[in-house]
């Protein structure tokens, strides 16, 4: 059975065709996006990528990736509720 890439995931493998001094990529791979994430890309949204270093059962190194829509972190405290004393000691 062929390996199936899960939605919003991918992997990168060492480029076996890379030679010293050439401009080929060190790693190459594939990924698969859900229709929703692909639409987010078409809408101009930024994606985030999280990567993990792994090994196959045979010991070959590779990276696995997970993609998601970038969402800026929200401040936990409303700025208007925070009082800051800027007076010197």
Protein backbone atom coordinates (compact mmCIF):
# COMPACT_ATOMS: atom_id res chain seq x y z
CA UNK A 1 0.00 0.00 0.00
CA UNK A 2 1.36 3.40 -0.99
CA UNK A 3 1.95 6.08 1.63
CA UNK A 4 -0.93 8.53 1.79
CA UNK A 5 -0.27 12.09 2.92
CA UNK A 6 -2.85 13.32 5.44
CA UNK A 7 -4.60 16.66 4.85
CA UNK A 8 -2.57 19.70 5.93
CA UNK A 9 0.53 17.56 6.36
CA UNK A 10 3.65 16.79 4.40
CA UNK A 11 7.20 15.48 4.61
CA UNK A 12 10.66 16.40 3.35
CA UNK A 13 13.41 13.92 2.54
CA UNK A 14 17.12 14.34 1.82
CA UNK A 15 17.67 15.03 -1.89
CA UNK A 16 19.57 12.01 -3.18
CA UNK A 17 20.50 13.98 -6.33
CA UNK A 18 22.24 16.80 -4.41
CA UNK A 19 25.93 17.14 -5.23
CA UNK A 20 28.51 19.30 -3.48
CA UNK A 21 28.55 22.81 -4.94
CA UNK A 22 25.36 22.59 -6.97
CA UNK A 23 22.24 24.66 -6.37
CA UNK A 24 19.84 21.75 -5.86
CA UNK A 25 17.82 21.75 -2.64
CA UNK A 26 19.16 19.81 0.34
CA UNK A 27 15.71 18.34 0.95
CA UNK A 28 12.55 17.98 -1.10
CA UNK A 29 9.09 16.70 -0.39
CA UNK A 30 5.35 16.85 -0.84
CA UNK A 31 2.38 18.15 1.12
CA UNK A 32 -1.39 18.02 0.86
CA UNK A 33 -3.75 20.83 1.83
CA UNK A 34 -7.44 20.56 2.62
CA UNK A 35 -9.80 22.57 0.40
CA UNK A 36 -10.29 25.03 3.28
CA UNK A 37 -6.56 25.63 3.73
CA UNK A 38 -6.03 25.88 -0.03
CA UNK A 39 -8.80 28.50 -0.16
CA UNK A 40 -7.09 30.41 2.65
CA UNK A 41 -3.94 30.51 0.51
CA UNK A 42 -5.95 31.73 -2.49
CA UNK A 43 -7.46 34.41 -0.22
CA UNK A 44 -3.92 35.64 0.57
CA UNK A 45 -3.72 34.36 4.13
CA UNK A 46 -0.41 33.39 5.69
CA UNK A 47 0.22 29.79 6.70
CA UNK A 48 2.30 28.50 9.58
CA UNK A 49 4.38 25.35 9.39
CA UNK A 50 5.45 23.13 12.25
CA UNK A 51 8.16 20.55 11.58
CA UNK A 52 9.40 17.47 13.40
CA UNK A 53 12.58 15.48 12.82
CA UNK A 54 11.86 11.75 12.37
CA UNK A 55 13.41 8.49 11.22
CA UNK A 56 11.90 5.67 9.21
CA UNK A 57 11.99 2.13 10.56
CA UNK A 58 15.02 1.68 8.29
CA UNK A 59 16.78 4.64 9.96
CA UNK A 60 16.47 7.20 7.16
CA UNK A 61 16.04 10.78 8.45
CA UNK A 62 13.17 12.98 7.28
CA UNK A 63 11.05 15.93 8.41
CA UNK A 64 7.29 15.80 8.85
CA UNK A 65 5.27 19.00 8.59
CA UNK A 66 1.86 20.29 9.65
CA UNK A 67 0.31 23.38 8.05
CA UNK A 68 -2.32 25.73 9.46
CA UNK A 69 -3.62 29.27 8.92
CA UNK A 70 -1.58 31.83 10.83
CA UNK A 71 -3.55 33.48 13.59
CA UNK A 72 -1.79 36.19 15.61
CA UNK A 73 -1.71 35.51 19.32
CA UNK A 74 -4.20 37.60 21.27
CA UNK A 75 -3.12 39.53 24.36
CA UNK A 76 -4.42 37.71 27.41
CA UNK A 77 -5.11 40.98 29.20
CA UNK A 78 -6.98 43.93 27.72
CA UNK A 79 -4.49 46.81 27.48
CA UNK A 80 -7.01 49.28 28.92
CA UNK A 81 -7.24 47.23 32.11
CA UNK A 82 -3.50 47.29 32.77
CA UNK A 83 -2.14 50.16 34.85
CA UNK A 84 1.53 50.85 34.40
CA UNK A 85 3.42 53.21 36.67
CA UNK A 86 6.11 54.79 34.49
CA UNK A 87 7.33 57.19 37.21
CA UNK A 88 10.95 56.70 38.28
CA UNK A 89 11.70 54.92 41.54
